[in-house]
PDB file of all heavy atoms in Angstrom:
ATOM      1  N   ALA A   1      39.146  30.773  -9.180  1.00  0.00           N
ATOM      2  CA  ALA A   1      39.799  31.036 -10.490  1.00  0.00           C
ATOM      3  C   ALA A   1      40.663  32.335 -10.378  1.00  0.00           C
ATOM      4  O   ALA A   1      41.807  32.384 -10.898  1.00  0.00           O
ATOM      5  CB  ALA A   1      38.792  31.177 -11.586  1.00  0.00           C
ATOM      6  N   ILE A   2      40.136  33.331  -9.678  1.00  0.00           N
ATOM      7  CA  ILE A   2      40.892  34.582  -9.479  1.00  0.00           C
ATOM      8  C   ILE A   2      42.119  34.321  -8.675  1.00  0.00           C
ATOM      9  O   ILE A   2      43.247  34.774  -9.023  1.00  0.00           O
ATOM     10  CB  ILE A   2      39.966  35.626  -8.821  1.00  0.00           C
ATOM     11  CG1 ILE A   2      38.857  36.002  -9.775  1.00  0.00           C
ATOM     12  CG2 ILE A   2      40.761  36.848  -8.379  1.00  0.00           C
ATOM     13  CD1 ILE A   2      37.701  36.779  -9.114  1.00  0.00           C
ATOM     14  N   LEU A   3      42.004  33.660  -7.517  1.00  0.00           N
ATOM     15  CA  LEU A   3      43.131  33.403  -6.665  1.00  0.00           C
ATOM     16  C   LEU A   3      44.148  32.503  -7.306  1.00  0.00           C
ATOM     17  O   LEU A   3      45.358  32.702  -7.092  1.00  0.00           O
ATOM     18  CB  LEU A   3      42.681  32.845  -5.312  1.00  0.00           C
ATOM     19  CG  LEU A   3      42.050  33.819  -4.369  1.00  0.00           C
ATOM     20  CD1 LEU A   3      41.541  33.071  -3.138  1.00  0.00           C
ATOM     21  CD2 LEU A   3      42.968  34.929  -3.992  1.00  0.00           C
ATOM     22  N   SER A   4      43.694  31.545  -8.121  1.00  0.00           N
ATOM     23  CA  SER A   4      44.612  30.624  -8.753  1.00  0.00           C
ATOM     24  C   SER A   4      45.579  31.407  -9.689  1.00  0.00           C
ATOM     25  O   SER A   4      46.699  30.926  -9.907  1.00  0.00           O
ATOM     26  CB  SER A   4      43.845  29.590  -9.573  1.00  0.00           C
ATOM     27  OG  SER A   4      43.167  28.745  -8.716  1.00  0.00           O
ATOM     28  N   LYS A   5      45.109  32.479 -10.237  1.00  0.00           N
ATOM     29  CA  LYS A   5      45.964  33.272 -11.138  1.00  0.00           C
ATOM     30  C   LYS A   5      46.853  34.279 -10.361  1.00  0.00           C
ATOM     31  O   LYS A   5      47.924  34.586 -10.782  1.00  0.00           O
ATOM     32  CB  LYS A   5      45.089  34.019 -12.136  1.00  0.00           C
ATOM     33  CG  LYS A   5      44.459  33.071 -13.134  1.00  0.00           C
ATOM     34  CD  LYS A   5      43.535  33.838 -14.124  1.00  0.00           C
ATOM     35  CE  LYS A   5      42.967  32.800 -15.034  1.00  0.00           C
ATOM     36  NZ  LYS A   5      41.646  33.136 -15.448  1.00  0.00           N
ATOM     37  N   ARG A   6      46.372  34.739  -9.213  1.00  0.00           N
ATOM     38  CA  ARG A   6      47.058  35.786  -8.460  1.00  0.00           C
ATOM     39  C   ARG A   6      48.116  35.236  -7.457  1.00  0.00           C
ATOM     40  O   ARG A   6      49.109  35.879  -7.215  1.00  0.00           O
ATOM     41  CB  ARG A   6      46.080  36.629  -7.720  1.00  0.00           C
ATOM     42  CG  ARG A   6      45.241  37.511  -8.486  1.00  0.00           C
ATOM     43  CD  ARG A   6      44.384  38.390  -7.673  1.00  0.00           C
ATOM     44  NE  ARG A   6      43.471  39.205  -8.444  1.00  0.00           N
ATOM     45  CZ  ARG A   6      42.537  39.980  -7.955  1.00  0.00           C
ATOM     46  NH1 ARG A   6      42.393  40.115  -6.665  1.00  0.00           N
ATOM     47  NH2 ARG A   6      41.798  40.662  -8.781  1.00  0.00           N
ATOM     48  N   VAL A   7      47.801  34.117  -6.847  1.00  0.00           N
ATOM     49  CA  VAL A   7      48.647  33.585  -5.779  1.00  0.00           C
ATOM     50  C   VAL A   7      49.534  32.452  -6.313  1.00  0.00           C
ATOM     51  O   VAL A   7      49.048  31.462  -6.881  1.00  0.00           O
ATOM     52  CB  VAL A   7      47.748  33.075  -4.610  1.00  0.00           C
ATOM     53  CG1 VAL A   7      48.641  32.483  -3.486  1.00  0.00           C
ATOM     54  CG2 VAL A   7      46.866  34.151  -4.088  1.00  0.00           C
ATOM     55  N   LYS A   8      50.815  32.685  -6.158  1.00  0.00           N
ATOM     56  CA  LYS A   8      51.782  31.620  -6.616  1.00  0.00           C
ATOM     57  C   LYS A   8      51.987  30.594  -5.541  1.00  0.00           C
ATOM     58  O   LYS A   8      52.994  30.623  -4.821  1.00  0.00           O
ATOM     59  CB  LYS A   8      53.046  32.315  -7.042  1.00  0.00           C
ATOM     60  CG  LYS A   8      52.880  33.323  -8.163  1.00  0.00           C
ATOM     61  CD  LYS A   8      54.103  33.640  -8.862  1.00  0.00           C
ATOM     62  CE  LYS A   8      53.966  34.694  -9.940  1.00  0.00           C
ATOM     63  NZ  LYS A   8      52.843  34.676 -10.789  1.00  0.00           N
ATOM     64  N   ASN A   9      51.033  29.735  -5.439  1.00  0.00           N
ATOM     65  CA  ASN A   9      51.110  28.655  -4.385  1.00  0.00           C
ATOM     66  C   ASN A   9      50.414  27.430  -4.968  1.00  0.00           C
ATOM     67  O   ASN A   9      49.258  27.512  -5.399  1.00  0.00           O
ATOM     68  CB  ASN A   9      50.452  29.116  -3.106  1.00  0.00           C
ATOM     69  CG  ASN A   9      50.544  28.067  -2.013  1.00  0.00           C
ATOM     70  OD1 ASN A   9      49.808  27.085  -2.057  1.00  0.00           O
ATOM     71  ND2 ASN A   9      51.372  28.374  -1.017  1.00  0.00           N
ATOM     72  N   ALA A  10      51.075  26.298  -4.918  1.00  0.00           N
ATOM     73  CA  ALA A  10      50.490  25.067  -5.490  1.00  0.00           C
ATOM     74  C   ALA A  10      49.201  24.636  -4.813  1.00  0.00           C
ATOM     75  O   ALA A  10      48.242  24.168  -5.470  1.00  0.00           O
ATOM     76  CB  ALA A  10      51.547  23.899  -5.395  1.00  0.00           C
ATOM     77  N   THR A  11      49.059  24.838  -3.510  1.00  0.00           N
ATOM     78  CA  THR A  11      47.853  24.493  -2.772  1.00  0.00           C
ATOM     79  C   THR A  11      46.697  25.342  -3.308  1.00  0.00           C
ATOM     80  O   THR A  11      45.584  24.835  -3.513  1.00  0.00           O
ATOM     81  CB  THR A  11      48.013  24.643  -1.303  1.00  0.00           C
ATOM     82  OG1 THR A  11      49.016  23.708  -0.870  1.00  0.00           O
ATOM     83  CG2 THR A  11      46.730  24.361  -0.513  1.00  0.00           C
ATOM     84  N   ILE A  12      46.897  26.640  -3.450  1.00  0.00           N
ATOM     85  CA  ILE A  12      45.817  27.508  -3.910  1.00  0.00           C
ATOM     86  C   ILE A  12      45.475  27.210  -5.366  1.00  0.00           C
ATOM     87  O   ILE A  12      44.287  27.273  -5.722  1.00  0.00           O
ATOM     88  CB  ILE A  12      46.280  28.995  -3.792  1.00  0.00           C
ATOM     89  CG1 ILE A  12      46.668  29.373  -2.333  1.00  0.00           C
ATOM     90  CG2 ILE A  12      45.191  29.964  -4.314  1.00  0.00           C
ATOM     91  CD1 ILE A  12      45.566  29.170  -1.329  1.00  0.00           C
ATOM     92  N   ARG A  13      46.372  26.805  -6.166  1.00  0.00           N
ATOM     93  CA  ARG A  13      46.087  26.517  -7.569  1.00  0.00           C
ATOM     94  C   ARG A  13      45.399  25.184  -7.740  1.00  0.00           C
ATOM     95  O   ARG A  13      44.703  24.922  -8.725  1.00  0.00           O
ATOM     96  CB  ARG A  13      47.381  26.495  -8.390  1.00  0.00           C
ATOM     97  CG  ARG A  13      47.924  27.872  -8.515  1.00  0.00           C
ATOM     98  CD  ARG A  13      49.149  27.930  -9.372  1.00  0.00           C
ATOM     99  NE  ARG A  13      49.508  29.328  -9.600  1.00  0.00           N
ATOM    100  CZ  ARG A  13      50.659  29.729 -10.045  1.00  0.00           C
ATOM    101  NH1 ARG A  13      51.547  28.862 -10.382  1.00  0.00           N
ATOM    102  NH2 ARG A  13      50.876  30.993 -10.206  1.00  0.00           N
ATOM    103  N   LYS A  14      45.460  24.305  -6.729  1.00  0.00           N
ATOM    104  CA  LYS A  14      44.782  23.020  -6.814  1.00  0.00           C
ATOM    105  C   LYS A  14      43.261  23.187  -6.703  1.00  0.00           C
ATOM    106  O   LYS A  14      42.808  24.107  -6.023  1.00  0.00           O
ATOM    107  CB  LYS A  14      45.281  22.091  -5.691  1.00  0.00           C
ATOM    108  CG  LYS A  14      44.844  20.703  -5.750  1.00  0.00           C
ATOM    109  CD  LYS A  14      45.541  19.862  -4.696  1.00  0.00           C
ATOM    110  CE  LYS A  14      45.088  18.421  -4.749  1.00  0.00           C
ATOM    111  NZ  LYS A  14      45.746  17.595  -3.761  1.00  0.00           N
ATOM    112  N   ASP A  15      42.459  22.388  -7.423  1.00  0.00           N
ATOM    113  CA  ASP A  15      41.045  22.498  -7.338  1.00  0.00           C
ATOM    114  C   ASP A  15      40.576  22.378  -5.876  1.00  0.00           C
ATOM    115  O   ASP A  15      40.978  21.443  -5.171  1.00  0.00           O
ATOM    116  CB  ASP A  15      40.396  21.325  -8.140  1.00  0.00           C
ATOM    117  CG  ASP A  15      38.901  21.448  -8.305  1.00  0.00           C
ATOM    118  OD1 ASP A  15      38.242  21.717  -7.294  1.00  0.00           O
ATOM    119  OD2 ASP A  15      38.426  21.259  -9.443  1.00  0.00           O
ATOM    120  N   PHE A  16      39.764  23.364  -5.460  1.00  0.00           N
ATOM    121  CA  PHE A  16      39.369  23.447  -4.068  1.00  0.00           C
ATOM    122  C   PHE A  16      38.707  22.152  -3.606  1.00  0.00           C
ATOM    123  O   PHE A  16      38.911  21.704  -2.421  1.00  0.00           O
ATOM    124  CB  PHE A  16      38.457  24.681  -3.853  1.00  0.00           C
ATOM    125  CG  PHE A  16      38.123  24.909  -2.412  1.00  0.00           C
ATOM    126  CD1 PHE A  16      39.050  25.394  -1.565  1.00  0.00           C
ATOM    127  CD2 PHE A  16      36.868  24.675  -1.924  1.00  0.00           C
ATOM    128  CE1 PHE A  16      38.767  25.657  -0.186  1.00  0.00           C
ATOM    129  CE2 PHE A  16      36.556  24.948  -0.589  1.00  0.00           C
ATOM    130  CZ  PHE A  16      37.505  25.390   0.246  1.00  0.00           C
ATOM    131  N   ASP A  17      37.891  21.524  -4.422  1.00  0.00           N
ATOM    132  CA  ASP A  17      37.194  20.310  -3.992  1.00  0.00           C
ATOM    133  C   ASP A  17      38.111  19.126  -3.866  1.00  0.00           C
ATOM    134  O   ASP A  17      37.728  18.124  -3.251  1.00  0.00           O
ATOM    135  CB  ASP A  17      36.112  19.943  -5.038  1.00  0.00           C
ATOM    136  CG  ASP A  17      34.982  21.001  -5.010  1.00  0.00           C
ATOM    137  OD1 ASP A  17      34.729  21.606  -3.936  1.00  0.00           O
ATOM    138  OD2 ASP A  17      34.351  21.184  -6.088  1.00  0.00           O
ATOM    139  N   ASP A  18      39.330  19.216  -4.380  1.00  0.00           N
ATOM    140  CA  ASP A  18      40.259  18.116  -4.334  1.00  0.00           C
ATOM    141  C   ASP A  18      41.328  18.265  -3.193  1.00  0.00           C
ATOM    142  O   ASP A  18      42.221  17.417  -3.028  1.00  0.00           O
ATOM    143  CB  ASP A  18      41.079  17.941  -5.636  1.00  0.00           C
ATOM    144  CG  ASP A  18      40.136  17.490  -6.755  1.00  0.00           C
ATOM    145  OD1 ASP A  18      39.097  16.897  -6.490  1.00  0.00           O
ATOM    146  OD2 ASP A  18      40.526  17.761  -7.965  1.00  0.00           O
ATOM    147  N   LEU A  19      41.168  19.312  -2.424  1.00  0.00           N
ATOM    148  CA  LEU A  19      42.137  19.572  -1.344  1.00  0.00           C
ATOM    149  C   LEU A  19      41.964  18.555  -0.194  1.00  0.00           C
ATOM    150  O   LEU A  19      40.845  18.151   0.107  1.00  0.00           O
ATOM    151  CB  LEU A  19      41.959  20.949  -0.721  1.00  0.00           C
ATOM    152  CG  LEU A  19      42.185  22.136  -1.623  1.00  0.00           C
ATOM    153  CD1 LEU A  19      41.870  23.454  -0.898  1.00  0.00           C
ATOM    154  CD2 LEU A  19      43.611  22.147  -2.168  1.00  0.00           C
ATOM    155  N   ASP A  20      43.089  18.121   0.392  1.00  0.00           N
ATOM    156  CA  ASP A  20      42.987  17.265   1.572  1.00  0.00           C
ATOM    157  C   ASP A  20      42.971  18.130   2.814  1.00  0.00           C
ATOM    158  O   ASP A  20      43.013  19.307   2.748  1.00  0.00           O
ATOM    159  CB  ASP A  20      44.113  16.212   1.585  1.00  0.00           C
ATOM    160  CG  ASP A  20      45.536  16.827   1.678  1.00  0.00           C
ATOM    161  OD1 ASP A  20      45.618  17.942   2.318  1.00  0.00           O
ATOM    162  OD2 ASP A  20      46.467  16.229   1.171  1.00  0.00           O
ATOM    163  N   TYR A  21      42.795  17.505   3.966  1.00  0.00           N
ATOM    164  CA  TYR A  21      42.635  18.206   5.203  1.00  0.00           C
ATOM    165  C   TYR A  21      43.787  19.197   5.418  1.00  0.00           C
ATOM    166  O   TYR A  21      43.524  20.382   5.747  1.00  0.00           O
ATOM    167  CB  TYR A  21      42.551  17.188   6.385  1.00  0.00           C
ATOM    168  CG  TYR A  21      42.509  17.904   7.701  1.00  0.00           C
ATOM    169  CD1 TYR A  21      41.325  18.505   8.183  1.00  0.00           C
ATOM    170  CD2 TYR A  21      43.682  18.074   8.476  1.00  0.00           C
ATOM    171  CE1 TYR A  21      41.317  19.145   9.396  1.00  0.00           C
ATOM    172  CE2 TYR A  21      43.673  18.776   9.688  1.00  0.00           C
ATOM    173  CZ  TYR A  21      42.489  19.294  10.138  1.00  0.00           C
ATOM    174  OH  TYR A  21      42.447  19.963  11.327  1.00  0.00           O
ATOM    175  N   TYR A  22      45.052  18.745   5.258  1.00  0.00           N
ATOM    176  CA  TYR A  22      46.164  19.613   5.496  1.00  0.00           C
ATOM    177  C   TYR A  22      46.137  20.883   4.655  1.00  0.00           C
ATOM    178  O   TYR A  22      46.465  21.961   5.064  1.00  0.00           O
ATOM    179  CB  TYR A  22      47.484  18.884   5.247  1.00  0.00           C
ATOM    180  CG  TYR A  22      47.743  17.712   6.104  1.00  0.00           C
ATOM    181  CD1 TYR A  22      47.504  16.411   5.686  1.00  0.00           C
ATOM    182  CD2 TYR A  22      48.232  17.876   7.413  1.00  0.00           C
ATOM    183  CE1 TYR A  22      47.782  15.320   6.470  1.00  0.00           C
ATOM    184  CE2 TYR A  22      48.484  16.793   8.220  1.00  0.00           C
ATOM    185  CZ  TYR A  22      48.247  15.510   7.775  1.00  0.00           C
ATOM    186  OH  TYR A  22      48.547  14.456   8.575  1.00  0.00           O
ATOM    187  N   GLN A  23      45.735  20.681   3.385  1.00  0.00           N
ATOM    188  CA  GLN A  23      45.712  21.800   2.462  1.00  0.00           C
ATOM    189  C   GLN A  23      44.623  22.799   2.803  1.00  0.00           C
ATOM    190  O   GLN A  23      44.829  24.000   2.706  1.00  0.00           O
ATOM    191  CB  GLN A  23      45.559  21.265   1.037  1.00  0.00           C
ATOM    192  CG  GLN A  23      46.786  20.537   0.562  1.00  0.00           C
ATOM    193  CD  GLN A  23      46.562  19.743  -0.716  1.00  0.00           C
ATOM    194  OE1 GLN A  23      45.501  19.173  -0.906  1.00  0.00           O
ATOM    195  NE2 GLN A  23      47.534  19.699  -1.535  1.00  0.00           N
ATOM    196  N   VAL A  24      43.461  22.301   3.234  1.00  0.00           N
ATOM    197  CA  VAL A  24      42.384  23.186   3.670  1.00  0.00           C
ATOM    198  C   VAL A  24      42.867  24.004   4.821  1.00  0.00           C
ATOM    199  O   VAL A  24      42.699  25.258   4.856  1.00  0.00           O
ATOM    200  CB  VAL A  24      41.117  22.362   4.029  1.00  0.00           C
ATOM    201  CG1 VAL A  24      40.070  23.250   4.682  1.00  0.00           C
ATOM    202  CG2 VAL A  24      40.534  21.646   2.789  1.00  0.00           C
ATOM    203  N   VAL A  25      43.481  23.412   5.787  1.00  0.00           N
ATOM    204  CA  VAL A  25      44.001  24.121   6.988  1.00  0.00           C
ATOM    205  C   VAL A  25      45.019  25.177   6.574  1.00  0.00           C
ATOM    206  O   VAL A  25      45.053  26.300   7.083  1.00  0.00           O
ATOM    207  CB  VAL A  25      44.603  23.146   8.034  1.00  0.00           C
ATOM    208  CG1 VAL A  25      45.335  23.857   9.131  1.00  0.00           C
ATOM    209  CG2 VAL A  25      43.465  22.301   8.622  1.00  0.00           C
ATOM    210  N   SER A  26      45.832  24.828   5.548  1.00  0.00           N
ATOM    211  CA  SER A  26      46.867  25.764   5.152  1.00  0.00           C
ATOM    212  C   SER A  26      46.360  27.080   4.541  1.00  0.00           C
ATOM    213  O   SER A  26      47.032  28.091   4.579  1.00  0.00           O
ATOM    214  CB  SER A  26      47.877  25.078   4.237  1.00  0.00           C
ATOM    215  OG  SER A  26      47.317  24.875   2.945  1.00  0.00           O
ATOM    216  N   TYR A  27      45.143  27.067   4.024  1.00  0.00           N
ATOM    217  CA  TYR A  27      44.533  28.268   3.478  1.00  0.00           C
ATOM    218  C   TYR A  27      44.567  29.349   4.493  1.00  0.00           C
ATOM    219  O   TYR A  27      44.667  30.519   4.211  1.00  0.00           O
ATOM    220  CB  TYR A  27      43.098  27.977   3.036  1.00  0.00           C
ATOM    221  CG  TYR A  27      42.916  27.741   1.558  1.00  0.00           C
ATOM    222  CD1 TYR A  27      43.507  26.661   0.942  1.00  0.00           C
ATOM    223  CD2 TYR A  27      42.125  28.545   0.823  1.00  0.00           C
ATOM    224  CE1 TYR A  27      43.311  26.408  -0.413  1.00  0.00           C
ATOM    225  CE2 TYR A  27      41.906  28.329  -0.514  1.00  0.00           C
ATOM    226  CZ  TYR A  27      42.522  27.240  -1.127  1.00  0.00           C
ATOM    227  OH  TYR A  27      42.308  26.997  -2.488  1.00  0.00           O
TER     228      TYR A  27
END
């Protein structure tokens, strides 16, 4: 919740449990 507000990135704002493999790696 903290990072979703601070980081202007669609992947970070997406629910962590809903991330696909590519998005997890991009973190």
